[in-house]
Amino acid sequence: MAFKENYEKACQDVLAELQKTMASIDAASLERLVDEILAADQVFFVGVGRVMLALQCVCKRLAHLGIKAHYVGEITEPAITKNDLLIVGSGSGGSLFPLGIAKKARKIVDCKIVHIGSNPNSEMKDICDFMVRIPVRTKFYLEDEIDSCQPMTSLFEQSVLLLGDILAKMIIEDRHLDMKSLWQYHANLE
């Protein structure tokens, strides 16, 4: 098979996985997540690796909507308070740093905590207020996970990014925000 045909097949496979995954996410948990984002004074994100990169993109997009959004560890990260929301991204729910940050947030301020992940039976379930489950392949190979032809947890990371952009679009439409006016929140020292 020629490169072009291989590429087209790979595109079809990846897009089909994403379509199946996005359709499998519980809408009620997403509605609750949006409500918590909009109710919070500030929204904080924590994850590691490629999940953190995807969450940083979501964080930036929420900032473009005028929402005070930060990721844990940024140089200008403010203090978290009980009026804030911590969004923890971890497919397995057992990544050491996100789990530790969630525990600390629960202990010091008892803010709202949401876990975006795949494993509903992780230690995170006892810390978070609720979970948005993206039921894709993890290192645990749970029986009900959506399988992927992609390496490791690529499907989870892609889904986190797409989910953030989809929810941002829905917030824009729900709040009747003018797309042109959103540029006031975009970085202008570029």
N, C-alpha and C. Protein backbone atom coordinates (compact mmCIF):
# COMPACT_ATOMS: atom_id res chain seq x y z
N MET A 1 0.85 -1.19 0.00
CA MET A 1 0.00 0.00 0.00
C MET A 1 0.89 1.25 0.00
N ALA A 2 0.55 2.22 -0.80
CA ALA A 2 1.33 3.45 -0.91
C ALA A 2 1.11 4.32 0.32
N PHE A 3 2.03 5.25 0.53
CA PHE A 3 1.96 6.13 1.71
C PHE A 3 0.63 6.86 1.79
N LYS A 4 0.16 7.39 0.67
CA LYS A 4 -1.09 8.15 0.67
C LYS A 4 -2.26 7.31 1.18
N GLU A 5 -2.34 6.07 0.72
CA GLU A 5 -3.42 5.18 1.16
C GLU A 5 -3.26 4.83 2.64
N ASN A 6 -2.03 4.61 3.09
CA ASN A 6 -1.77 4.34 4.50
C ASN A 6 -2.20 5.53 5.37
N TYR A 7 -1.87 6.73 4.89
CA TYR A 7 -2.23 7.94 5.63
C TYR A 7 -3.76 8.08 5.72
N GLU A 8 -4.44 7.90 4.60
CA GLU A 8 -5.90 8.03 4.59
C GLU A 8 -6.55 7.00 5.50
N LYS A 9 -6.03 5.78 5.52
CA LYS A 9 -6.55 4.72 6.39
C LYS A 9 -6.30 5.09 7.86
N ALA A 10 -5.10 5.58 8.18
CA ALA A 10 -4.79 5.98 9.55
C ALA A 10 -5.71 7.10 10.01
N CYS A 11 -5.96 8.08 9.14
CA CYS A 11 -6.89 9.18 9.45
C CYS A 11 -8.28 8.64 9.76
N GLN A 12 -8.77 7.76 8.92
CA GLN A 12 -10.10 7.18 9.13
C GLN A 12 -10.16 6.43 10.46
N ASP A 13 -9.13 5.66 10.76
CA ASP A 13 -9.11 4.88 12.00
C ASP A 13 -9.13 5.79 13.23
N VAL A 14 -8.28 6.82 13.22
CA VAL A 14 -8.18 7.73 14.37
C VAL A 14 -9.48 8.52 14.53
N LEU A 15 -10.01 9.05 13.45
CA LEU A 15 -11.25 9.83 13.53
C LEU A 15 -12.43 8.97 13.97
N ALA A 16 -12.45 7.71 13.55
CA ALA A 16 -13.52 6.80 13.98
C ALA A 16 -13.43 6.55 15.48
N GLU A 17 -12.22 6.38 15.99
CA GLU A 17 -12.03 6.19 17.43
C GLU A 17 -12.49 7.42 18.21
N LEU A 18 -12.13 8.58 17.71
CA LEU A 18 -12.52 9.82 18.38
C LEU A 18 -14.04 10.00 18.37
N GLN A 19 -14.67 9.70 17.24
CA GLN A 19 -16.13 9.81 17.14
C GLN A 19 -16.80 8.89 18.16
N LYS A 20 -16.34 7.65 18.22
CA LYS A 20 -16.90 6.68 19.16
C LYS A 20 -16.69 7.13 20.60
N THR A 21 -15.51 7.64 20.89
CA THR A 21 -15.17 8.06 22.25
C THR A 21 -16.00 9.26 22.67
N MET A 22 -16.05 10.28 21.85
CA MET A 22 -16.78 11.49 22.22
C MET A 22 -18.27 11.18 22.42
N ALA A 23 -18.80 10.27 21.64
CA ALA A 23 -20.21 9.88 21.77
C ALA A 23 -20.47 9.07 23.04
N SER A 24 -19.42 8.50 23.61
CA SER A 24 -19.59 7.63 24.78
C SER A 24 -19.51 8.37 26.12
N ILE A 25 -19.16 9.65 26.10
CA ILE A 25 -19.02 10.41 27.34
C ILE A 25 -20.41 10.82 27.84
N ASP A 26 -20.65 10.59 29.11
CA ASP A 26 -21.94 10.87 29.71
C ASP A 26 -22.25 12.38 29.69
N ALA A 27 -23.32 12.74 29.01
CA ALA A 27 -23.68 14.16 28.85
C ALA A 27 -24.02 14.82 30.18
N ALA A 28 -24.60 14.08 31.12
CA ALA A 28 -24.95 14.66 32.42
C ALA A 28 -23.69 15.08 33.18
N SER A 29 -22.63 14.28 33.08
CA SER A 29 -21.39 14.66 33.75
C SER A 29 -20.76 15.88 33.09
N LEU A 30 -20.92 16.01 31.79
CA LEU A 30 -20.39 17.18 31.08
C LEU A 30 -21.17 18.44 31.44
N GLU A 31 -22.49 18.30 31.56
CA GLU A 31 -23.31 19.44 31.96
C GLU A 31 -22.92 19.91 33.36
N ARG A 32 -22.70 18.95 34.24
CA ARG A 32 -22.28 19.30 35.61
C ARG A 32 -20.92 19.98 35.60
N LEU A 33 -20.01 19.49 34.74
CA LEU A 33 -18.67 20.09 34.64
C LEU A 33 -18.78 21.55 34.18
N VAL A 34 -19.58 21.81 33.16
CA VAL A 34 -19.75 23.18 32.68
C VAL A 34 -20.35 24.06 33.78
N ASP A 35 -21.34 23.54 34.49
CA ASP A 35 -21.94 24.31 35.59
C ASP A 35 -20.89 24.66 36.64
N GLU A 36 -20.03 23.71 36.98
CA GLU A 36 -18.98 23.95 37.99
C GLU A 36 -17.94 24.95 37.49
N ILE A 37 -17.59 24.86 36.22
CA ILE A 37 -16.63 25.81 35.63
C ILE A 37 -17.19 27.23 35.72
N LEU A 38 -18.45 27.39 35.35
CA LEU A 38 -19.05 28.71 35.33
C LEU A 38 -19.35 29.25 36.73
N ALA A 39 -19.52 28.37 37.70
CA ALA A 39 -19.81 28.79 39.07
C ALA A 39 -18.54 29.13 39.86
N ALA A 40 -17.41 28.61 39.43
CA ALA A 40 -16.16 28.78 40.17
C ALA A 40 -15.59 30.19 40.01
N ASP A 41 -14.93 30.67 41.05
CA ASP A 41 -14.20 31.93 40.93
C ASP A 41 -13.01 31.75 39.99
N GLN A 42 -12.31 30.62 40.14
CA GLN A 42 -11.16 30.29 39.31
C GLN A 42 -11.19 28.79 39.03
N VAL A 43 -10.59 28.40 37.91
CA VAL A 43 -10.51 26.99 37.55
C VAL A 43 -9.04 26.62 37.43
N PHE A 44 -8.65 25.57 38.14
CA PHE A 44 -7.27 25.08 38.12
C PHE A 44 -7.24 23.71 37.45
N PHE A 45 -6.16 23.44 36.74
CA PHE A 45 -5.98 22.17 36.05
C PHE A 45 -4.69 21.52 36.53
N VAL A 46 -4.72 20.20 36.66
CA VAL A 46 -3.50 19.46 36.98
C VAL A 46 -3.50 18.13 36.24
N GLY A 47 -2.35 17.77 35.76
CA GLY A 47 -2.12 16.50 35.07
C GLY A 47 -0.63 16.37 34.86
N VAL A 48 -0.22 15.33 34.21
CA VAL A 48 1.20 15.17 33.87
C VAL A 48 1.32 14.74 32.41
N GLY A 49 2.50 14.97 31.86
CA GLY A 49 2.80 14.51 30.51
C GLY A 49 1.90 15.11 29.45
N ARG A 50 1.50 14.28 28.50
CA ARG A 50 0.66 14.73 27.40
C ARG A 50 -0.73 15.13 27.87
N VAL A 51 -1.20 14.54 28.96
CA VAL A 51 -2.49 14.95 29.52
C VAL A 51 -2.40 16.40 29.98
N MET A 52 -1.30 16.77 30.64
CA MET A 52 -1.13 18.15 31.08
C MET A 52 -1.08 19.10 29.89
N LEU A 53 -0.42 18.69 28.82
CA LEU A 53 -0.38 19.54 27.63
C LEU A 53 -1.79 19.78 27.09
N ALA A 54 -2.61 18.72 27.04
CA ALA A 54 -3.99 18.87 26.58
C ALA A 54 -4.77 19.78 27.52
N LEU A 55 -4.57 19.60 28.84
CA LEU A 55 -5.26 20.44 29.82
C LEU A 55 -4.81 21.89 29.74
N GLN A 56 -3.55 22.12 29.44
CA GLN A 56 -3.08 23.50 29.27
C GLN A 56 -3.78 24.17 28.11
N CYS A 57 -4.05 23.42 27.06
CA CYS A 57 -4.81 23.96 25.92
C CYS A 57 -6.22 24.31 26.35
N VAL A 58 -6.86 23.45 27.14
CA VAL A 58 -8.21 23.71 27.63
C VAL A 58 -8.19 24.95 28.54
N CYS A 59 -7.19 25.01 29.41
CA CYS A 59 -7.03 26.15 30.32
C CYS A 59 -6.94 27.46 29.53
N LYS A 60 -6.13 27.46 28.52
CA LYS A 60 -5.95 28.66 27.68
C LYS A 60 -7.26 29.05 26.99
N ARG A 61 -7.99 28.05 26.49
CA ARG A 61 -9.24 28.35 25.80
C ARG A 61 -10.26 28.93 26.76
N LEU A 62 -10.33 28.40 27.98
CA LEU A 62 -11.26 28.97 28.97
C LEU A 62 -10.86 30.42 29.29
N ALA A 63 -9.56 30.68 29.36
CA ALA A 63 -9.10 32.06 29.59
C ALA A 63 -9.55 32.97 28.46
N HIS A 64 -9.60 32.43 27.24
CA HIS A 64 -10.09 33.21 26.10
C HIS A 64 -11.57 33.55 26.23
N LEU A 65 -12.27 32.84 27.11
CA LEU A 65 -13.69 33.12 27.34
C LEU A 65 -13.89 34.05 28.53
N GLY A 66 -12.79 34.54 29.09
CA GLY A 66 -12.87 35.44 30.24
C GLY A 66 -12.95 34.71 31.57
N ILE A 67 -12.71 33.41 31.56
CA ILE A 67 -12.73 32.61 32.79
C ILE A 67 -11.32 32.61 33.38
N LYS A 68 -11.22 32.84 34.68
CA LYS A 68 -9.92 32.82 35.34
C LYS A 68 -9.47 31.37 35.46
N ALA A 69 -8.52 31.00 34.62
CA ALA A 69 -8.07 29.61 34.53
C ALA A 69 -6.55 29.54 34.70
N HIS A 70 -6.10 28.53 35.43
CA HIS A 70 -4.68 28.35 35.73
C HIS A 70 -4.34 26.87 35.71
N TYR A 71 -3.07 26.55 35.45
CA TYR A 71 -2.65 25.17 35.65
C TYR A 71 -1.65 25.13 36.80
N VAL A 72 -1.74 24.08 37.56
CA VAL A 72 -0.90 23.92 38.75
C VAL A 72 0.56 23.87 38.32
N GLY A 73 1.34 24.74 38.92
CA GLY A 73 2.77 24.79 38.62
C GLY A 73 3.18 25.97 37.76
N GLU A 74 2.20 26.68 37.16
CA GLU A 74 2.58 27.84 36.36
C GLU A 74 3.19 28.89 37.29
N ILE A 75 4.07 29.67 36.77
CA ILE A 75 4.84 30.61 37.59
C ILE A 75 3.96 31.66 38.26
N THR A 76 2.83 31.99 37.66
CA THR A 76 1.94 33.01 38.24
C THR A 76 0.69 32.38 38.88
N GLU A 77 0.76 31.10 39.21
CA GLU A 77 -0.39 30.42 39.82
C GLU A 77 -0.78 31.07 41.13
N PRO A 78 -2.03 31.51 41.26
CA PRO A 78 -2.48 32.09 42.53
C PRO A 78 -2.89 30.98 43.51
N ALA A 79 -3.23 31.38 44.71
CA ALA A 79 -3.72 30.42 45.71
C ALA A 79 -5.09 29.92 45.29
N ILE A 80 -5.34 28.66 45.55
CA ILE A 80 -6.67 28.09 45.31
C ILE A 80 -7.49 28.32 46.57
N THR A 81 -8.81 28.54 46.40
CA THR A 81 -9.70 28.77 47.55
C THR A 81 -10.87 27.79 47.47
N LYS A 82 -11.69 27.83 48.48
CA LYS A 82 -12.87 26.95 48.52
C LYS A 82 -13.88 27.30 47.43
N ASN A 83 -13.77 28.48 46.85
CA ASN A 83 -14.70 28.91 45.81
C ASN A 83 -14.23 28.53 44.40
N ASP A 84 -13.14 27.79 44.34
CA ASP A 84 -12.54 27.44 43.05
C ASP A 84 -12.82 25.99 42.68
N LEU A 85 -12.43 25.63 41.47
CA LEU A 85 -12.60 24.29 40.93
C LEU A 85 -11.24 23.76 40.52
N LEU A 86 -10.94 22.54 40.92
CA LEU A 86 -9.73 21.84 40.47
C LEU A 86 -10.16 20.72 39.54
N ILE A 87 -9.64 20.76 38.31
CA ILE A 87 -9.90 19.70 37.34
C ILE A 87 -8.64 18.86 37.24
N VAL A 88 -8.78 17.59 37.58
CA VAL A 88 -7.67 16.66 37.60
C VAL A 88 -7.77 15.74 36.40
N GLY A 89 -6.78 15.79 35.52
CA GLY A 89 -6.75 14.91 34.36
C GLY A 89 -5.80 13.76 34.60
N SER A 90 -6.33 12.55 34.57
CA SER A 90 -5.51 11.35 34.72
C SER A 90 -6.32 10.17 34.23
N GLY A 91 -5.88 9.58 33.13
CA GLY A 91 -6.61 8.43 32.59
C GLY A 91 -6.72 7.31 33.61
N SER A 92 -5.62 6.97 34.23
CA SER A 92 -5.60 5.87 35.20
C SER A 92 -6.18 6.28 36.54
N GLY A 93 -6.13 7.58 36.85
CA GLY A 93 -6.58 8.06 38.15
C GLY A 93 -5.59 7.78 39.25
N GLY A 94 -4.42 7.28 38.88
CA GLY A 94 -3.42 6.93 39.88
C GLY A 94 -2.10 7.64 39.72
N SER A 95 -2.01 8.57 38.77
CA SER A 95 -0.75 9.30 38.58
C SER A 95 -0.42 10.06 39.86
N LEU A 96 0.80 9.91 40.32
CA LEU A 96 1.21 10.38 41.64
C LEU A 96 0.99 11.87 41.85
N PHE A 97 1.46 12.71 40.93
CA PHE A 97 1.36 14.16 41.12
C PHE A 97 -0.09 14.65 41.12
N PRO A 98 -0.91 14.32 40.11
CA PRO A 98 -2.30 14.77 40.14
C PRO A 98 -3.06 14.26 41.36
N LEU A 99 -2.81 13.02 41.74
CA LEU A 99 -3.47 12.45 42.92
C LEU A 99 -3.07 13.21 44.18
N GLY A 100 -1.78 13.52 44.31
CA GLY A 100 -1.29 14.27 45.47
C GLY A 100 -1.86 15.68 45.53
N ILE A 101 -1.96 16.34 44.38
CA ILE A 101 -2.52 17.69 44.33
C ILE A 101 -4.00 17.66 44.71
N ALA A 102 -4.73 16.66 44.21
CA ALA A 102 -6.15 16.54 44.55
C ALA A 102 -6.33 16.33 46.06
N LYS A 103 -5.51 15.49 46.64
CA LYS A 103 -5.58 15.25 48.09
C LYS A 103 -5.29 16.54 48.86
N LYS A 104 -4.29 17.28 48.42
CA LYS A 104 -3.92 18.52 49.11
C LYS A 104 -5.04 19.56 48.99
N ALA A 105 -5.61 19.70 47.80
CA ALA A 105 -6.71 20.65 47.61
C ALA A 105 -7.90 20.29 48.49
N ARG A 106 -8.19 19.02 48.58
CA ARG A 106 -9.31 18.57 49.42
C ARG A 106 -9.03 18.92 50.88
N LYS A 107 -7.79 18.73 51.31
CA LYS A 107 -7.43 18.95 52.71
C LYS A 107 -7.34 20.43 53.08
N ILE A 108 -6.72 21.25 52.23
CA ILE A 108 -6.46 22.63 52.65
C ILE A 108 -7.60 23.61 52.38
N VAL A 109 -8.38 23.39 51.31
CA VAL A 109 -9.45 24.35 51.01
C VAL A 109 -10.80 23.68 50.76
N ASP A 110 -10.81 22.39 50.53
CA ASP A 110 -12.05 21.65 50.26
C ASP A 110 -12.85 22.28 49.13
N CYS A 111 -12.15 22.60 48.04
CA CYS A 111 -12.81 23.14 46.85
C CYS A 111 -13.48 22.00 46.08
N LYS A 112 -14.21 22.35 45.04
CA LYS A 112 -14.78 21.34 44.15
C LYS A 112 -13.65 20.71 43.36
N ILE A 113 -13.71 19.39 43.21
CA ILE A 113 -12.69 18.66 42.46
C ILE A 113 -13.38 17.72 41.49
N VAL A 114 -12.98 17.80 40.22
CA VAL A 114 -13.51 16.93 39.18
C VAL A 114 -12.36 16.12 38.58
N HIS A 115 -12.59 14.85 38.42
CA HIS A 115 -11.60 13.97 37.77
C HIS A 115 -12.05 13.69 36.35
N ILE A 116 -11.21 14.04 35.38
CA ILE A 116 -11.42 13.63 34.00
C ILE A 116 -10.49 12.45 33.79
N GLY A 117 -11.05 11.29 33.58
CA GLY A 117 -10.22 10.10 33.46
C GLY A 117 -10.96 8.95 32.82
N SER A 118 -10.32 7.79 32.86
CA SER A 118 -10.92 6.61 32.26
C SER A 118 -11.25 5.54 33.30
N ASN A 119 -10.47 5.48 34.36
CA ASN A 119 -10.63 4.43 35.36
C ASN A 119 -11.56 4.90 36.49
N PRO A 120 -12.80 4.39 36.53
CA PRO A 120 -13.74 4.85 37.55
C PRO A 120 -13.47 4.27 38.94
N ASN A 121 -12.56 3.33 39.04
CA ASN A 121 -12.30 2.67 40.31
C ASN A 121 -10.95 3.04 40.91
N SER A 122 -10.41 4.17 40.51
CA SER A 122 -9.11 4.60 41.03
C SER A 122 -9.26 5.24 42.40
N GLU A 123 -8.14 5.53 43.02
CA GLU A 123 -8.13 6.21 44.31
C GLU A 123 -8.77 7.60 44.21
N MET A 124 -8.78 8.16 43.01
CA MET A 124 -9.35 9.49 42.79
C MET A 124 -10.84 9.53 43.12
N LYS A 125 -11.54 8.40 43.00
CA LYS A 125 -12.99 8.40 43.23
C LYS A 125 -13.36 8.78 44.66
N ASP A 126 -12.45 8.57 45.60
CA ASP A 126 -12.73 8.92 47.00
C ASP A 126 -12.36 10.37 47.33
N ILE A 127 -11.75 11.07 46.38
CA ILE A 127 -11.29 12.44 46.61
C ILE A 127 -12.17 13.44 45.86
N CYS A 128 -12.55 13.08 44.66
CA CYS A 128 -13.26 14.02 43.78
C CYS A 128 -14.76 14.07 44.07
N ASP A 129 -15.36 15.21 43.71
CA ASP A 129 -16.81 15.36 43.83
C ASP A 129 -17.53 14.53 42.78
N PHE A 130 -16.95 14.46 41.59
CA PHE A 130 -17.50 13.61 40.54
C PHE A 130 -16.47 13.42 39.45
N MET A 131 -16.80 12.53 38.54
CA MET A 131 -15.89 12.16 37.46
C MET A 131 -16.55 12.38 36.11
N VAL A 132 -15.77 12.87 35.16
CA VAL A 132 -16.14 12.85 33.75
C VAL A 132 -15.32 11.71 33.16
N ARG A 133 -16.01 10.65 32.81
CA ARG A 133 -15.28 9.47 32.33
C ARG A 133 -15.18 9.47 30.82
N ILE A 134 -13.93 9.36 30.36
CA ILE A 134 -13.63 9.14 28.95
C ILE A 134 -13.18 7.68 28.89
N PRO A 135 -14.08 6.76 28.53
CA PRO A 135 -13.82 5.33 28.71
C PRO A 135 -12.93 4.70 27.64
N VAL A 136 -11.69 5.18 27.57
CA VAL A 136 -10.77 4.68 26.56
C VAL A 136 -9.67 3.83 27.20
N ARG A 137 -8.91 3.17 26.36
CA ARG A 137 -7.86 2.26 26.79
C ARG A 137 -6.87 2.94 27.73
N THR A 138 -6.65 2.30 28.89
CA THR A 138 -5.61 2.72 29.82
C THR A 138 -4.61 1.59 29.95
N LYS A 139 -3.61 1.81 30.78
CA LYS A 139 -2.62 0.77 31.03
C LYS A 139 -3.21 -0.42 31.77
N PHE A 140 -4.43 -0.26 32.30
CA PHE A 140 -5.08 -1.33 33.04
C PHE A 140 -5.91 -2.26 32.15
N TYR A 141 -6.20 -1.83 30.93
CA TYR A 141 -6.99 -2.64 29.99
C TYR A 141 -8.29 -3.14 30.65
N LEU A 142 -9.07 -2.20 31.18
CA LEU A 142 -10.35 -2.55 31.77
C LEU A 142 -11.28 -3.09 30.69
N GLU A 143 -12.20 -3.93 31.09
CA GLU A 143 -13.06 -4.64 30.15
C GLU A 143 -13.93 -3.72 29.29
N ASP A 144 -14.39 -2.61 29.86
CA ASP A 144 -15.32 -1.74 29.12
C ASP A 144 -14.65 -0.56 28.42
N GLU A 145 -13.33 -0.56 28.35
CA GLU A 145 -12.61 0.54 27.71
C GLU A 145 -12.68 0.42 26.19
N ILE A 146 -12.75 1.56 25.53
CA ILE A 146 -12.71 1.61 24.07
C ILE A 146 -11.27 1.38 23.65
N ASP A 147 -11.07 0.40 22.80
CA ASP A 147 -9.72 0.06 22.35
C ASP A 147 -9.23 1.09 21.34
N SER A 148 -7.93 1.13 21.16
CA SER A 148 -7.35 2.10 20.24
C SER A 148 -6.22 1.48 19.43
N CYS A 149 -6.12 1.92 18.18
CA CYS A 149 -5.02 1.49 17.32
C CYS A 149 -3.81 2.41 17.52
N GLN A 150 -3.98 3.44 18.33
CA GLN A 150 -2.91 4.42 18.54
C GLN A 150 -2.03 4.02 19.72
N PRO A 151 -0.82 4.57 19.78
CA PRO A 151 0.07 4.20 20.87
C PRO A 151 -0.40 4.71 22.22
N MET A 152 -0.18 3.89 23.21
CA MET A 152 -0.41 4.20 24.61
C MET A 152 -1.74 4.89 24.85
N THR A 153 -1.72 6.12 25.36
CA THR A 153 -2.98 6.81 25.72
C THR A 153 -3.26 8.01 24.82
N SER A 154 -2.84 7.93 23.58
CA SER A 154 -3.09 9.03 22.64
C SER A 154 -4.57 9.36 22.54
N LEU A 155 -5.41 8.34 22.51
CA LEU A 155 -6.85 8.58 22.36
C LEU A 155 -7.40 9.36 23.55
N PHE A 156 -6.93 9.09 24.75
CA PHE A 156 -7.37 9.84 25.92
C PHE A 156 -6.96 11.30 25.81
N GLU A 157 -5.71 11.54 25.49
CA GLU A 157 -5.19 12.91 25.41
C GLU A 157 -5.90 13.71 24.33
N GLN A 158 -6.13 13.10 23.17
CA GLN A 158 -6.86 13.78 22.10
C GLN A 158 -8.28 14.10 22.53
N SER A 159 -8.89 13.16 23.24
CA SER A 159 -10.27 13.35 23.69
C SER A 159 -10.38 14.48 24.70
N VAL A 160 -9.40 14.60 25.59
CA VAL A 160 -9.39 15.70 26.57
C VAL A 160 -9.35 17.04 25.84
N LEU A 161 -8.47 17.15 24.85
CA LEU A 161 -8.36 18.40 24.09
C LEU A 161 -9.65 18.72 23.34
N LEU A 162 -10.19 17.73 22.64
CA LEU A 162 -11.43 17.96 21.90
C LEU A 162 -12.58 18.29 22.84
N LEU A 163 -12.65 17.60 23.96
CA LEU A 163 -13.71 17.86 24.93
C LEU A 163 -13.65 19.31 25.40
N GLY A 164 -12.46 19.80 25.70
CA GLY A 164 -12.30 21.20 26.11
C GLY A 164 -12.79 22.17 25.06
N ASP A 165 -12.44 21.91 23.81
CA ASP A 165 -12.86 22.81 22.73
C ASP A 165 -14.37 22.73 22.49
N ILE A 166 -14.92 21.53 22.60
CA ILE A 166 -16.36 21.37 22.40
C ILE A 166 -17.13 22.09 23.51
N LEU A 167 -16.68 21.93 24.76
CA LEU A 167 -17.36 22.60 25.87
C LEU A 167 -17.21 24.12 25.76
N ALA A 168 -16.06 24.59 25.30
CA ALA A 168 -15.87 26.03 25.10
C ALA A 168 -16.87 26.55 24.06
N LYS A 169 -17.04 25.81 22.98
CA LYS A 169 -18.02 26.20 21.95
C LYS A 169 -19.42 26.27 22.55
N MET A 170 -19.76 25.31 23.38
CA MET A 170 -21.09 25.27 24.00
C MET A 170 -21.28 26.44 24.98
N ILE A 171 -20.23 26.79 25.72
CA ILE A 171 -20.30 27.93 26.63
C ILE A 171 -20.51 29.22 25.85
N ILE A 172 -19.77 29.37 24.76
CA ILE A 172 -19.91 30.55 23.90
C ILE A 172 -21.35 30.68 23.41
N GLU A 173 -21.91 29.57 22.94
CA GLU A 173 -23.28 29.61 22.41
C GLU A 173 -24.29 29.86 23.52
N ASP A 174 -24.10 29.22 24.68
CA ASP A 174 -25.04 29.37 25.78
C ASP A 174 -25.04 30.79 26.35
N ARG A 175 -23.86 31.40 26.39
CA ARG A 175 -23.75 32.76 26.94
C ARG A 175 -23.89 33.83 25.87
N HIS A 176 -24.14 33.41 24.64
CA HIS A 176 -24.30 34.33 23.50
C HIS A 176 -23.10 35.27 23.39
N LEU A 177 -21.90 34.70 23.50
CA LEU A 177 -20.68 35.51 23.40
C LEU A 177 -20.39 35.80 21.93
N ASP A 178 -19.96 37.00 21.69
CA ASP A 178 -19.57 37.40 20.34
C ASP A 178 -18.15 36.91 20.08
N MET A 179 -17.99 36.09 19.05
CA MET A 179 -16.68 35.51 18.74
C MET A 179 -15.61 36.59 18.56
N LYS A 180 -15.97 37.66 17.90
CA LYS A 180 -15.00 38.72 17.64
C LYS A 180 -14.53 39.36 18.94
N SER A 181 -15.43 39.50 19.90
CA SER A 181 -15.05 40.15 21.17
C SER A 181 -14.11 39.28 22.02
N LEU A 182 -14.07 37.98 21.74
CA LEU A 182 -13.20 37.10 22.52
C LEU A 182 -11.72 37.40 22.32
N TRP A 183 -11.39 38.07 21.22
CA TRP A 183 -9.98 38.39 20.96
C TRP A 183 -9.41 39.33 22.02
N GLN A 184 -10.25 40.00 22.79
CA GLN A 184 -9.75 40.86 23.86
C GLN A 184 -9.00 40.06 24.92
N TYR A 185 -9.30 38.75 25.02
CA TYR A 185 -8.65 37.90 26.01
C TYR A 185 -7.44 37.16 25.44
N HIS A 186 -7.23 37.26 24.15
CA HIS A 186 -6.12 36.55 23.50
C HIS A 186 -4.81 37.31 23.74
N ALA A 187 -3.73 36.54 23.88
CA ALA A 187 -2.41 37.17 24.04
C ALA A 187 -2.16 38.13 22.89
N ASN A 188 -1.60 39.31 23.21
CA ASN A 188 -1.34 40.29 22.16
C ASN A 188 0.12 40.70 22.08
N LEU A 189 0.98 40.01 22.81
CA LEU A 189 2.42 40.28 22.72
C LEU A 189 3.10 39.20 21.87
N GLU A 190 2.42 38.77 20.84
CA GLU A 190 2.97 37.71 20.01
C GLU A 190 3.51 38.24 18.71
